[in-house]
Amino acid sequence: MNAAKKKPGRAASRATACAMEDFCAWDGDTLVLNILGQPSAQQDAIGKVKGTQLKVSVTAAPVAGRATDHMVRFLAAEFGVSVPDIQVVFGRFNVNKQLRIRSPKTLPSVIRKHFSGEAPDA
């Protein structure tokens, strides 16, 4: 069933993977992001779009899901939400992830530009 046909006020009790043509999409008030993670990076950073994924680098090592946990904490601050507002749909132990961010207060520039139709930074 198409996620766009769901009523915004009727969120599912469990997250389901969303097939997307872009790296991000809205599902009601929830932002769905496809992430290409880079653990053990020099700094935490939101990078550029790579195909249908947004590159996100974190300093944590990829041990027992710690890099994903660190990424969720980093992104919570970037989106102005609490950690429980971010749900890892899949990819907790993989560089390919899908996250659902409930009611983000702020949007990083790469996402703002995507939704406004501006060209991404070169």
PDB file of N, CA and C in Angstrom:
ATOM      1  N   MET A   1       0.838  -1.176   0.000  1.00  0.00           N
ATOM      2  CA  MET A   1       0.000   0.000   0.000  1.00  0.00           C
ATOM      3  C   MET A   1       0.876   1.230   0.000  1.00  0.00           C
ATOM      4  N   ASN A   2       0.499   2.256  -0.708  1.00  0.00           N
ATOM      5  CA  ASN A   2       1.254   3.479  -0.836  1.00  0.00           C
ATOM      6  C   ASN A   2       1.217   4.263   0.464  1.00  0.00           C
ATOM      7  N   ALA A   3       2.401   4.639   0.986  1.00  0.00           N
ATOM      8  CA  ALA A   3       2.487   5.364   2.248  1.00  0.00           C
ATOM      9  C   ALA A   3       1.817   6.732   2.151  1.00  0.00           C
ATOM     10  N   ALA A   4       1.799   7.333   0.965  1.00  0.00           N
ATOM     11  CA  ALA A   4       1.198   8.643   0.796  1.00  0.00           C
ATOM     12  C   ALA A   4      -0.311   8.598   1.009  1.00  0.00           C
ATOM     13  N   LYS A   5      -0.941   7.436   0.893  1.00  0.00           N
ATOM     14  CA  LYS A   5      -2.380   7.323   1.056  1.00  0.00           C
ATOM     15  C   LYS A   5      -2.803   7.166   2.506  1.00  0.00           C
ATOM     16  N   LYS A   6      -1.835   6.971   3.412  1.00  0.00           N
ATOM     17  CA  LYS A   6      -2.169   6.858   4.828  1.00  0.00           C
ATOM     18  C   LYS A   6      -2.616   8.209   5.352  1.00  0.00           C
ATOM     19  N   LYS A   7      -3.512   8.193   6.296  1.00  0.00           N
ATOM     20  CA  LYS A   7      -3.937   9.433   6.937  1.00  0.00           C
ATOM     21  C   LYS A   7      -2.822   9.896   7.861  1.00  0.00           C
ATOM     22  N   PRO A   8      -2.476  11.217   7.836  1.00  0.00           N
ATOM     23  CA  PRO A   8      -1.377  11.714   8.654  1.00  0.00           C
ATOM     24  C   PRO A   8      -1.561  11.451  10.147  1.00  0.00           C
ATOM     25  N   GLY A   9      -2.769  11.475  10.656  1.00  0.00           N
ATOM     26  CA  GLY A   9      -2.997  11.305  12.069  1.00  0.00           C
ATOM     27  C   GLY A   9      -2.979   9.864  12.525  1.00  0.00           C
ATOM     28  N   ARG A  10      -2.886   8.910  11.612  1.00  0.00           N
ATOM     29  CA  ARG A  10      -2.927   7.494  11.955  1.00  0.00           C
ATOM     30  C   ARG A  10      -1.574   6.856  11.723  1.00  0.00           C
ATOM     31  N   ALA A  11      -0.618   7.177  12.570  1.00  0.00           N
ATOM     32  CA  ALA A  11       0.729   6.610  12.435  1.00  0.00           C
ATOM     33  C   ALA A  11       0.698   5.138  12.826  1.00  0.00           C
ATOM     34  N   ALA A  12       1.434   4.343  12.096  1.00  0.00           N
ATOM     35  CA  ALA A  12       1.525   2.920  12.397  1.00  0.00           C
ATOM     36  C   ALA A  12       2.290   2.720  13.705  1.00  0.00           C
ATOM     37  N   SER A  13       1.960   1.677  14.433  1.00  0.00           N
ATOM     38  CA  SER A  13       2.645   1.418  15.697  1.00  0.00           C
ATOM     39  C   SER A  13       4.072   0.938  15.459  1.00  0.00           C
ATOM     40  N   ARG A  14       4.341   0.377  14.302  1.00  0.00           N
ATOM     41  CA  ARG A  14       5.700  -0.024  13.971  1.00  0.00           C
ATOM     42  C   ARG A  14       6.063   0.590  12.617  1.00  0.00           C
ATOM     43  N   ALA A  15       7.311   0.963  12.477  1.00  0.00           N
ATOM     44  CA  ALA A  15       7.752   1.579  11.229  1.00  0.00           C
ATOM     45  C   ALA A  15       7.907   0.512  10.161  1.00  0.00           C
ATOM     46  N   THR A  16       7.612   0.890   8.939  1.00  0.00           N
ATOM     47  CA  THR A  16       7.834  -0.004   7.816  1.00  0.00           C
ATOM     48  C   THR A  16       8.733   0.700   6.825  1.00  0.00           C
ATOM     49  N   ALA A  17       9.533  -0.067   6.127  1.00  0.00           N
ATOM     50  CA  ALA A  17      10.447   0.500   5.142  1.00  0.00           C
ATOM     51  C   ALA A  17       9.647   1.163   4.033  1.00  0.00           C
ATOM     52  N   CYS A  18      10.142   2.276   3.593  1.00  0.00           N
ATOM     53  CA  CYS A  18       9.477   3.071   2.565  1.00  0.00           C
ATOM     54  C   CYS A  18      10.390   3.114   1.339  1.00  0.00           C
ATOM     55  N   ALA A  19       9.920   2.592   0.208  1.00  0.00           N
ATOM     56  CA  ALA A  19      10.697   2.670  -1.028  1.00  0.00           C
ATOM     57  C   ALA A  19      10.593   4.096  -1.552  1.00  0.00           C
ATOM     58  N   MET A  20      11.738   4.724  -1.799  1.00  0.00           N
ATOM     59  CA  MET A  20      11.739   6.128  -2.192  1.00  0.00           C
ATOM     60  C   MET A  20      12.623   6.330  -3.412  1.00  0.00           C
ATOM     61  N   GLU A  21      12.206   7.273  -4.256  1.00  0.00           N
ATOM     62  CA  GLU A  21      13.019   7.634  -5.418  1.00  0.00           C
ATOM     63  C   GLU A  21      14.071   8.669  -5.051  1.00  0.00           C
ATOM     64  N   ASP A  22      13.836   9.457  -4.011  1.00  0.00           N
ATOM     65  CA  ASP A  22      14.770  10.461  -3.524  1.00  0.00           C
ATOM     66  C   ASP A  22      15.330  10.022  -2.180  1.00  0.00           C
ATOM     67  N   PHE A  23      16.282  10.765  -1.678  1.00  0.00           N
ATOM     68  CA  PHE A  23      16.893  10.418  -0.390  1.00  0.00           C
ATOM     69  C   PHE A  23      16.003  10.773   0.788  1.00  0.00           C
ATOM     70  N   CYS A  24      14.983  11.621   0.558  1.00  0.00           N
ATOM     71  CA  CYS A  24      14.105  12.002   1.659  1.00  0.00           C
ATOM     72  C   CYS A  24      12.689  12.221   1.158  1.00  0.00           C
ATOM     73  N   ALA A  25      11.743  12.037   2.064  1.00  0.00           N
ATOM     74  CA  ALA A  25      10.330  12.235   1.726  1.00  0.00           C
ATOM     75  C   ALA A  25       9.561  12.455   3.018  1.00  0.00           C
ATOM     76  N   TRP A  26       8.445  13.127   2.893  1.00  0.00           N
ATOM     77  CA  TRP A  26       7.559  13.322   4.040  1.00  0.00           C
ATOM     78  C   TRP A  26       6.517  12.218   4.066  1.00  0.00           C
ATOM     79  N   ASP A  27       6.233  11.718   5.255  1.00  0.00           N
ATOM     80  CA  ASP A  27       5.131  10.801   5.510  1.00  0.00           C
ATOM     81  C   ASP A  27       4.336  11.451   6.637  1.00  0.00           C
ATOM     82  N   GLY A  28       3.376  12.284   6.268  1.00  0.00           N
ATOM     83  CA  GLY A  28       2.684  13.104   7.265  1.00  0.00           C
ATOM     84  C   GLY A  28       3.656  14.117   7.825  1.00  0.00           C
ATOM     85  N   ASP A  29       3.809  14.157   9.157  1.00  0.00           N
ATOM     86  CA  ASP A  29       4.760  15.083   9.778  1.00  0.00           C
ATOM     87  C   ASP A  29       6.098  14.411  10.064  1.00  0.00           C
ATOM     88  N   THR A  30       6.300  13.207   9.518  1.00  0.00           N
ATOM     89  CA  THR A  30       7.534  12.458   9.733  1.00  0.00           C
ATOM     90  C   THR A  30       8.408  12.532   8.486  1.00  0.00           C
ATOM     91  N   LEU A  31       9.672  12.884   8.676  1.00  0.00           N
ATOM     92  CA  LEU A  31      10.636  12.923   7.588  1.00  0.00           C
ATOM     93  C   LEU A  31      11.310  11.560   7.498  1.00  0.00           C
ATOM     94  N   VAL A  32      11.261  10.949   6.321  1.00  0.00           N
ATOM     95  CA  VAL A  32      11.902   9.662   6.090  1.00  0.00           C
ATOM     96  C   VAL A  32      13.191   9.932   5.315  1.00  0.00           C
ATOM     97  N   LEU A  33      14.306   9.414   5.823  1.00  0.00           N
ATOM     98  CA  LEU A  33      15.620   9.635   5.206  1.00  0.00           C
ATOM     99  C   LEU A  33      16.297   8.313   4.887  1.00  0.00           C
ATOM    100  N   ASN A  34      16.832   8.207   3.686  1.00  0.00           N
ATOM    101  CA  ASN A  34      17.726   7.100   3.328  1.00  0.00           C
ATOM    102  C   ASN A  34      19.145   7.608   3.541  1.00  0.00           C
ATOM    103  N   ILE A  35      19.898   6.891   4.338  1.00  0.00           N
ATOM    104  CA  ILE A  35      21.230   7.330   4.767  1.00  0.00           C
ATOM    105  C   ILE A  35      22.297   6.370   4.262  1.00  0.00           C
ATOM    106  N   LEU A  36      23.418   6.945   3.826  1.00  0.00           N
ATOM    107  CA  LEU A  36      24.648   6.193   3.594  1.00  0.00           C
ATOM    108  C   LEU A  36      25.592   6.631   4.704  1.00  0.00           C
ATOM    109  N   GLY A  37      25.796   5.768   5.684  1.00  0.00           N
ATOM    110  CA  GLY A  37      26.608   6.121   6.835  1.00  0.00           C
ATOM    111  C   GLY A  37      28.084   5.917   6.586  1.00  0.00           C
ATOM    112  N   GLN A  38      28.884   6.771   7.211  1.00  0.00           N
ATOM    113  CA  GLN A  38      30.340   6.604   7.186  1.00  0.00           C
ATOM    114  C   GLN A  38      30.826   6.652   8.636  1.00  0.00           C
ATOM    115  N   PRO A  39      31.083   5.489   9.226  1.00  0.00           N
ATOM    116  CA  PRO A  39      31.592   5.462  10.598  1.00  0.00           C
ATOM    117  C   PRO A  39      33.082   5.798  10.633  1.00  0.00           C
ATOM    118  N   SER A  40      33.591   6.026  11.829  1.00  0.00           N
ATOM    119  CA  SER A  40      35.021   6.299  12.052  1.00  0.00           C
ATOM    120  C   SER A  40      35.527   7.479  11.234  1.00  0.00           C
ATOM    121  N   ALA A  41      34.701   8.480  11.075  1.00  0.00           N
ATOM    122  CA  ALA A  41      35.075   9.675  10.310  1.00  0.00           C
ATOM    123  C   ALA A  41      35.836  10.649  11.212  1.00  0.00           C
ATOM    124  N   GLN A  42      36.426  11.660  10.606  1.00  0.00           N
ATOM    125  CA  GLN A  42      37.169  12.666  11.371  1.00  0.00           C
ATOM    126  C   GLN A  42      36.236  13.559  12.177  1.00  0.00           C
ATOM    127  N   GLN A  43      35.018  13.776  11.648  1.00  0.00           N
ATOM    128  CA  GLN A  43      34.048  14.611  12.361  1.00  0.00           C
ATOM    129  C   GLN A  43      32.635  14.177  12.007  1.00  0.00           C
ATOM    130  N   ASP A  44      31.695  14.510  12.872  1.00  0.00           N
ATOM    131  CA  ASP A  44      30.290  14.263  12.585  1.00  0.00           C
ATOM    132  C   ASP A  44      29.840  15.311  11.573  1.00  0.00           C
ATOM    133  N   ALA A  45      29.205  14.864  10.490  1.00  0.00           N
ATOM    134  CA  ALA A  45      28.788  15.808   9.459  1.00  0.00           C
ATOM    135  C   ALA A  45      27.705  15.216   8.579  1.00  0.00           C
ATOM    136  N   ILE A  46      26.825  16.105   8.117  1.00  0.00           N
ATOM    137  CA  ILE A  46      25.849  15.739   7.097  1.00  0.00           C
ATOM    138  C   ILE A  46      26.474  16.139   5.780  1.00  0.00           C
ATOM    139  N   GLY A  47      26.608  15.178   4.882  1.00  0.00           N
ATOM    140  CA  GLY A  47      27.293  15.421   3.620  1.00  0.00           C
ATOM    141  C   GLY A  47      26.349  15.657   2.464  1.00  0.00           C
ATOM    142  N   LYS A  48      26.787  15.230   1.304  1.00  0.00           N
ATOM    143  CA  LYS A  48      26.041  15.427   0.064  1.00  0.00           C
ATOM    144  C   LYS A  48      25.174  14.219  -0.246  1.00  0.00           C
ATOM    145  N   VAL A  49      24.269  14.417  -1.170  1.00  0.00           N
ATOM    146  CA  VAL A  49      23.403  13.341  -1.635  1.00  0.00           C
ATOM    147  C   VAL A  49      24.188  12.465  -2.593  1.00  0.00           C
ATOM    148  N   LYS A  50      24.099  11.159  -2.381  1.00  0.00           N
ATOM    149  CA  LYS A  50      24.730  10.158  -3.253  1.00  0.00           C
ATOM    150  C   LYS A  50      23.615   9.271  -3.799  1.00  0.00           C
ATOM    151  N   GLY A  51      23.134   9.560  -4.987  1.00  0.00           N
ATOM    152  CA  GLY A  51      22.031   8.791  -5.559  1.00  0.00           C
ATOM    153  C   GLY A  51      20.762   8.984  -4.766  1.00  0.00           C
ATOM    154  N   THR A  52      20.269   7.914  -4.139  1.00  0.00           N
ATOM    155  CA  THR A  52      19.050   8.004  -3.328  1.00  0.00           C
ATOM    156  C   THR A  52      19.356   7.955  -1.834  1.00  0.00           C
ATOM    157  N   GLN A  53      20.578   8.365  -1.460  1.00  0.00           N
ATOM    158  CA  GLN A  53      20.974   8.369  -0.059  1.00  0.00           C
ATOM    159  C   GLN A  53      21.678   9.670   0.296  1.00  0.00           C
ATOM    160  N   LEU A  54      21.539  10.071   1.548  1.00  0.00           N
ATOM    161  CA  LEU A  54      22.245  11.217   2.092  1.00  0.00           C
ATOM    162  C   LEU A  54      23.430  10.691   2.889  1.00  0.00           C
ATOM    163  N   LYS A  55      24.615  11.187   2.597  1.00  0.00           N
ATOM    164  CA  LYS A  55      25.801  10.728   3.310  1.00  0.00           C
ATOM    165  C   LYS A  55      25.875  11.428   4.669  1.00  0.00           C
ATOM    166  N   VAL A  56      26.026  10.620   5.712  1.00  0.00           N
ATOM    167  CA  VAL A  56      26.178  11.142   7.069  1.00  0.00           C
ATOM    168  C   VAL A  56      27.396  10.464   7.682  1.00  0.00           C
ATOM    169  N   SER A  57      28.369  11.273   8.090  1.00  0.00           N
ATOM    170  CA  SER A  57      29.604  10.768   8.691  1.00  0.00           C
ATOM    171  C   SER A  57      29.550  10.950  10.199  1.00  0.00           C
ATOM    172  N   VAL A  58      30.041   9.949  10.915  1.00  0.00           N
ATOM    173  CA  VAL A  58      30.124  10.043  12.377  1.00  0.00           C
ATOM    174  C   VAL A  58      31.481   9.538  12.847  1.00  0.00           C
ATOM    175  N   THR A  59      31.901  10.026  13.997  1.00  0.00           N
ATOM    176  CA  THR A  59      33.218   9.676  14.521  1.00  0.00           C
ATOM    177  C   THR A  59      33.243   8.312  15.199  1.00  0.00           C
ATOM    178  N   ALA A  60      32.094   7.800  15.571  1.00  0.00           N
ATOM    179  CA  ALA A  60      32.035   6.520  16.294  1.00  0.00           C
ATOM    180  C   ALA A  60      32.423   5.349  15.388  1.00  0.00           C
ATOM    181  N   ALA A  61      33.047   4.355  16.010  1.00  0.00           N
ATOM    182  CA  ALA A  61      33.435   3.137  15.291  1.00  0.00           C
ATOM    183  C   ALA A  61      32.216   2.226  15.106  1.00  0.00           C
ATOM    184  N   PRO A  62      32.211   1.433  14.031  1.00  0.00           N
ATOM    185  CA  PRO A  62      31.080   0.544  13.758  1.00  0.00           C
ATOM    186  C   PRO A  62      31.150  -0.749  14.573  1.00  0.00           C
ATOM    187  N   VAL A  63      30.935  -0.625  15.873  1.00  0.00           N
ATOM    188  CA  VAL A  63      31.010  -1.772  16.770  1.00  0.00           C
ATOM    189  C   VAL A  63      29.668  -1.908  17.488  1.00  0.00           C
ATOM    190  N   ALA A  64      28.994  -3.028  17.272  1.00  0.00           N
ATOM    191  CA  ALA A  64      27.746  -3.352  17.978  1.00  0.00           C
ATOM    192  C   ALA A  64      26.691  -2.254  17.875  1.00  0.00           C
ATOM    193  N   GLY A  65      26.604  -1.596  16.733  1.00  0.00           N
ATOM    194  CA  GLY A  65      25.583  -0.576  16.528  1.00  0.00           C
ATOM    195  C   GLY A  65      25.891   0.777  17.143  1.00  0.00           C
ATOM    196  N   ARG A  66      27.094   0.945  17.690  1.00  0.00           N
ATOM    197  CA  ARG A  66      27.437   2.207  18.350  1.00  0.00           C
ATOM    198  C   ARG A  66      27.486   3.380  17.372  1.00  0.00           C
ATOM    199  N   ALA A  67      27.933   3.135  16.147  1.00  0.00           N
ATOM    200  CA  ALA A  67      27.982   4.221  15.163  1.00  0.00           C
ATOM    201  C   ALA A  67      26.562   4.700  14.831  1.00  0.00           C
ATOM    202  N   THR A  68      25.632   3.777  14.715  1.00  0.00           N
ATOM    203  CA  THR A  68      24.245   4.161  14.440  1.00  0.00           C
ATOM    204  C   THR A  68      23.661   4.920  15.627  1.00  0.00           C
ATOM    205  N   ASP A  69      23.918   4.461  16.839  1.00  0.00           N
ATOM    206  CA  ASP A  69      23.436   5.165  18.028  1.00  0.00           C
ATOM    207  C   ASP A  69      23.996   6.584  18.075  1.00  0.00           C
ATOM    208  N   HIS A  70      25.280   6.712  17.770  1.00  0.00           N
ATOM    209  CA  HIS A  70      25.924   8.028  17.746  1.00  0.00           C
ATOM    210  C   HIS A  70      25.294   8.900  16.658  1.00  0.00           C
ATOM    211  N   MET A  71      25.030   8.308  15.489  1.00  0.00           N
ATOM    212  CA  MET A  71      24.411   9.045  14.387  1.00  0.00           C
ATOM    213  C   MET A  71      23.031   9.564  14.786  1.00  0.00           C
ATOM    214  N   VAL A  72      22.259   8.739  15.458  1.00  0.00           N
ATOM    215  CA  VAL A  72      20.921   9.162  15.885  1.00  0.00           C
ATOM    216  C   VAL A  72      21.031  10.344  16.853  1.00  0.00           C
ATOM    217  N   ARG A  73      21.964  10.289  17.793  1.00  0.00           N
ATOM    218  CA  ARG A  73      22.147  11.412  18.720  1.00  0.00           C
ATOM    219  C   ARG A  73      22.584  12.679  17.982  1.00  0.00           C
ATOM    220  N   PHE A  74      23.509  12.531  17.040  1.00  0.00           N
ATOM    221  CA  PHE A  74      23.976  13.668  16.238  1.00  0.00           C
ATOM    222  C   PHE A  74      22.821  14.266  15.430  1.00  0.00           C
ATOM    223  N   LEU A  75      22.055  13.416  14.756  1.00  0.00           N
ATOM    224  CA  LEU A  75      20.957  13.917  13.927  1.00  0.00           C
ATOM    225  C   LEU A  75      19.829  14.503  14.769  1.00  0.00           C
ATOM    226  N   ALA A  76      19.613  13.994  15.957  1.00  0.00           N
ATOM    227  CA  ALA A  76      18.591  14.569  16.835  1.00  0.00           C
ATOM    228  C   ALA A  76      18.903  16.041  17.093  1.00  0.00           C
ATOM    229  N   ALA A  77      20.162  16.349  17.371  1.00  0.00           N
ATOM    230  CA  ALA A  77      20.564  17.739  17.589  1.00  0.00           C
ATOM    231  C   ALA A  77      20.414  18.567  16.313  1.00  0.00           C
ATOM    232  N   GLU A  78      20.780  17.994  15.174  1.00  0.00           N
ATOM    233  CA  GLU A  78      20.704  18.706  13.899  1.00  0.00           C
ATOM    234  C   GLU A  78      19.255  19.030  13.495  1.00  0.00           C
ATOM    235  N   PHE A  79      18.327  18.146  13.830  1.00  0.00           N
ATOM    236  CA  PHE A  79      16.925  18.322  13.456  1.00  0.00           C
ATOM    237  C   PHE A  79      16.089  18.932  14.579  1.00  0.00           C
ATOM    238  N   GLY A  80      16.695  19.201  15.722  1.00  0.00           N
ATOM    239  CA  GLY A  80      15.990  19.824  16.831  1.00  0.00           C
ATOM    240  C   GLY A  80      14.933  18.937  17.462  1.00  0.00           C
ATOM    241  N   VAL A  81      15.211  17.633  17.530  1.00  0.00           N
ATOM    242  CA  VAL A  81      14.273  16.683  18.128  1.00  0.00           C
ATOM    243  C   VAL A  81      14.988  15.910  19.226  1.00  0.00           C
ATOM    244  N   SER A  82      14.226  15.142  19.993  1.00  0.00           N
ATOM    245  CA  SER A  82      14.841  14.284  21.000  1.00  0.00           C
ATOM    246  C   SER A  82      15.206  12.947  20.349  1.00  0.00           C
ATOM    247  N   VAL A  83      16.109  12.226  20.964  1.00  0.00           N
ATOM    248  CA  VAL A  83      16.567  10.940  20.424  1.00  0.00           C
ATOM    249  C   VAL A  83      15.403   9.975  20.168  1.00  0.00           C
ATOM    250  N   PRO A  84      14.423   9.862  21.071  1.00  0.00           N
ATOM    251  CA  PRO A  84      13.304   8.931  20.798  1.00  0.00           C
ATOM    252  C   PRO A  84      12.441   9.323  19.585  1.00  0.00           C
ATOM    253  N   ASP A  85      12.588  10.563  19.091  1.00  0.00           N
ATOM    254  CA  ASP A  85      11.840  10.993  17.902  1.00  0.00           C
ATOM    255  C   ASP A  85      12.451  10.464  16.610  1.00  0.00           C
ATOM    256  N   ILE A  86      13.598   9.803  16.701  1.00  0.00           N
ATOM    257  CA  ILE A  86      14.239   9.224  15.519  1.00  0.00           C
ATOM    258  C   ILE A  86      14.185   7.709  15.636  1.00  0.00           C
ATOM    259  N   GLN A  87      13.631   7.091  14.614  1.00  0.00           N
ATOM    260  CA  GLN A  87      13.509   5.639  14.600  1.00  0.00           C
ATOM    261  C   GLN A  87      14.332   5.074  13.451  1.00  0.00           C
ATOM    262  N   VAL A  88      15.145   4.076  13.750  1.00  0.00           N
ATOM    263  CA  VAL A  88      15.921   3.380  12.724  1.00  0.00           C
ATOM    264  C   VAL A  88      15.009   2.288  12.160  1.00  0.00           C
ATOM    265  N   VAL A  89      14.586   2.451  10.911  1.00  0.00           N
ATOM    266  CA  VAL A  89      13.699   1.475  10.280  1.00  0.00           C
ATOM    267  C   VAL A  89      14.495   0.233   9.901  1.00  0.00           C
ATOM    268  N   PHE A  90      15.642   0.442   9.254  1.00  0.00           N
ATOM    269  CA  PHE A  90      16.550  -0.661   8.959  1.00  0.00           C
ATOM    270  C   PHE A  90      17.966  -0.127   8.872  1.00  0.00           C
ATOM    271  N   GLY A  91      18.945  -1.021   9.008  1.00  0.00           N
ATOM    272  CA  GLY A  91      20.344  -0.659   8.846  1.00  0.00           C
ATOM    273  C   GLY A  91      21.093  -0.350  10.124  1.00  0.00           C
ATOM    274  N   ARG A  92      20.590  -0.812  11.257  1.00  0.00           N
ATOM    275  CA  ARG A  92      21.284  -0.524  12.515  1.00  0.00           C
ATOM    276  C   ARG A  92      22.730  -1.013  12.489  1.00  0.00           C
ATOM    277  N   PHE A  93      22.999  -2.130  11.840  1.00  0.00           N
ATOM    278  CA  PHE A  93      24.347  -2.694  11.768  1.00  0.00           C
ATOM    279  C   PHE A  93      24.906  -2.630  10.352  1.00  0.00           C
ATOM    280  N   ASN A  94      24.469  -1.639   9.561  1.00  0.00           N
ATOM    281  CA  ASN A  94      24.853  -1.538   8.163  1.00  0.00           C
ATOM    282  C   ASN A  94      25.024  -0.062   7.811  1.00  0.00           C
ATOM    283  N   VAL A  95      25.812   0.232   6.784  1.00  0.00           N
ATOM    284  CA  VAL A  95      25.980   1.630   6.370  1.00  0.00           C
ATOM    285  C   VAL A  95      24.738   2.158   5.651  1.00  0.00           C
ATOM    286  N   ASN A  96      23.930   1.270   5.081  1.00  0.00           N
ATOM    287  CA  ASN A  96      22.692   1.675   4.414  1.00  0.00           C
ATOM    288  C   ASN A  96      21.556   1.641   5.424  1.00  0.00           C
ATOM    289  N   LYS A  97      20.948   2.804   5.653  1.00  0.00           N
ATOM    290  CA  LYS A  97      19.937   2.927   6.700  1.00  0.00           C
ATOM    291  C   LYS A  97      18.728   3.696   6.195  1.00  0.00           C
ATOM    292  N   GLN A  98      17.610   3.494   6.884  1.00  0.00           N
ATOM    293  CA  GLN A  98      16.463   4.363   6.701  1.00  0.00           C
ATOM    294  C   GLN A  98      16.031   4.818   8.089  1.00  0.00           C
ATOM    295  N   LEU A  99      15.873   6.132   8.232  1.00  0.00           N
ATOM    296  CA  LEU A  99      15.461   6.724   9.497  1.00  0.00           C
ATOM    297  C   LEU A  99      14.153   7.463   9.312  1.00  0.00           C
ATOM    298  N   ARG A 100      13.360   7.487  10.369  1.00  0.00           N
ATOM    299  CA  ARG A 100      12.125   8.275  10.417  1.00  0.00           C
ATOM    300  C   ARG A 100      12.292   9.289  11.546  1.00  0.00           C
ATOM    301  N   ILE A 101      12.155  10.578  11.198  1.00  0.00           N
ATOM    302  CA  ILE A 101      12.334  11.655  12.161  1.00  0.00           C
ATOM    303  C   ILE A 101      10.984  12.334  12.356  1.00  0.00           C
ATOM    304  N   ARG A 102      10.442  12.190  13.553  1.00  0.00           N
ATOM    305  CA  ARG A 102       9.110  12.715  13.847  1.00  0.00           C
ATOM    306  C   ARG A 102       9.171  14.218  14.113  1.00  0.00           C
ATOM    307  N   SER A 103       8.409  14.980  13.360  1.00  0.00           N
ATOM    308  CA  SER A 103       8.236  16.430  13.547  1.00  0.00           C
ATOM    309  C   SER A 103       9.543  17.193  13.731  1.00  0.00           C
ATOM    310  N   PRO A 104      10.449  17.143  12.731  1.00  0.00           N
ATOM    311  CA  PRO A 104      11.709  17.885  12.886  1.00  0.00           C
ATOM    312  C   PRO A 104      11.446  19.379  13.026  1.00  0.00           C
ATOM    313  N   LYS A 105      12.167  20.001  13.939  1.00  0.00           N
ATOM    314  CA  LYS A 105      12.019  21.443  14.188  1.00  0.00           C
ATOM    315  C   LYS A 105      12.838  22.268  13.201  1.00  0.00           C
ATOM    316  N   THR A 106      13.995  21.716  12.788  1.00  0.00           N
ATOM    317  CA  THR A 106      14.849  22.395  11.814  1.00  0.00           C
ATOM    318  C   THR A 106      15.263  21.378  10.755  1.00  0.00           C
ATOM    319  N   LEU A 107      15.588  21.891   9.569  1.00  0.00           N
ATOM    320  CA  LEU A 107      16.057  21.034   8.481  1.00  0.00           C
ATOM    321  C   LEU A 107      17.447  21.490   8.062  1.00  0.00           C
ATOM    322  N   PRO A 108      18.408  20.578   7.993  1.00  0.00           N
ATOM    323  CA  PRO A 108      19.732  20.936   7.469  1.00  0.00           C
ATOM    324  C   PRO A 108      19.605  21.482   6.043  1.00  0.00           C
ATOM    325  N   SER A 109      20.565  22.275   5.623  1.00  0.00           N
ATOM    326  CA  SER A 109      20.470  22.978   4.345  1.00  0.00           C
ATOM    327  C   SER A 109      20.272  22.045   3.152  1.00  0.00           C
ATOM    328  N   VAL A 110      20.917  20.886   3.116  1.00  0.00           N
ATOM    329  CA  VAL A 110      20.783  19.982   1.978  1.00  0.00           C
ATOM    330  C   VAL A 110      19.326  19.516   1.829  1.00  0.00           C
ATOM    331  N   ILE A 111      18.638  19.336   2.934  1.00  0.00           N
ATOM    332  CA  ILE A 111      17.238  18.900   2.881  1.00  0.00           C
ATOM    333  C   ILE A 111      16.330  20.079   2.562  1.00  0.00           C
ATOM    334  N   ARG A 112      16.595  21.233   3.177  1.00  0.00           N
ATOM    335  CA  ARG A 112      15.827  22.452   2.861  1.00  0.00           C
ATOM    336  C   ARG A 112      15.905  22.756   1.375  1.00  0.00           C
ATOM    337  N   LYS A 113      17.106  22.677   0.813  1.00  0.00           N
ATOM    338  CA  LYS A 113      17.292  22.960  -0.615  1.00  0.00           C
ATOM    339  C   LYS A 113      16.569  21.938  -1.480  1.00  0.00           C
ATOM    340  N   HIS A 114      16.569  20.676  -1.063  1.00  0.00           N
ATOM    341  CA  HIS A 114      15.881  19.629  -1.822  1.00  0.00           C
ATOM    342  C   HIS A 114      14.389  19.940  -1.933  1.00  0.00           C
ATOM    343  N   PHE A 115      13.771  20.298  -0.827  1.00  0.00           N
ATOM    344  CA  PHE A 115      12.330  20.553  -0.828  1.00  0.00           C
ATOM    345  C   PHE A 115      11.974  21.887  -1.475  1.00  0.00           C
ATOM    346  N   SER A 116      12.909  22.841  -1.488  1.00  0.00           N
ATOM    347  CA  SER A 116      12.628  24.134  -2.115  1.00  0.00           C
ATOM    348  C   SER A 116      12.948  24.123  -3.610  1.00  0.00           C
ATOM    349  N   GLY A 117      13.621  23.061  -4.078  1.00  0.00           N
ATOM    350  CA  GLY A 117      13.947  22.954  -5.495  1.00  0.00           C
ATOM    351  C   GLY A 117      15.249  23.641  -5.873  1.00  0.00           C
ATOM    352  N   GLU A 118      15.996  24.154  -4.878  1.00  0.00           N
ATOM    353  CA  GLU A 118      17.279  24.786  -5.166  1.00  0.00           C
ATOM    354  C   GLU A 118      18.309  23.745  -5.577  1.00  0.00           C
ATOM    355  N   ALA A 119      19.292  24.172  -6.333  1.00  0.00           N
ATOM    356  CA  ALA A 119      20.391  23.282  -6.705  1.00  0.00           C
ATOM    357  C   ALA A 119      21.257  23.015  -5.497  1.00  0.00           C
ATOM    358  N   PRO A 120      21.702  21.758  -5.301  1.00  0.00           N
ATOM    359  CA  PRO A 120      22.595  21.459  -4.169  1.00  0.00           C
ATOM    360  C   PRO A 120      23.947  22.110  -4.358  1.00  0.00           C
ATOM    361  N   ASP A 121      24.664  22.305  -3.239  1.00  0.00           N
ATOM    362  CA  ASP A 121      26.009  22.875  -3.310  1.00  0.00           C
ATOM    363  C   ASP A 121      26.921  21.959  -4.082  1.00  0.00           C
ATOM    364  N   ALA A 122      27.792  22.543  -4.871  1.00  0.00           N
ATOM    365  CA  ALA A 122      28.728  21.730  -5.666  1.00  0.00           C
ATOM    366  C   ALA A 122      29.920  21.316  -4.872  1.00  0.00           C
TER     367      ALA A 122
END
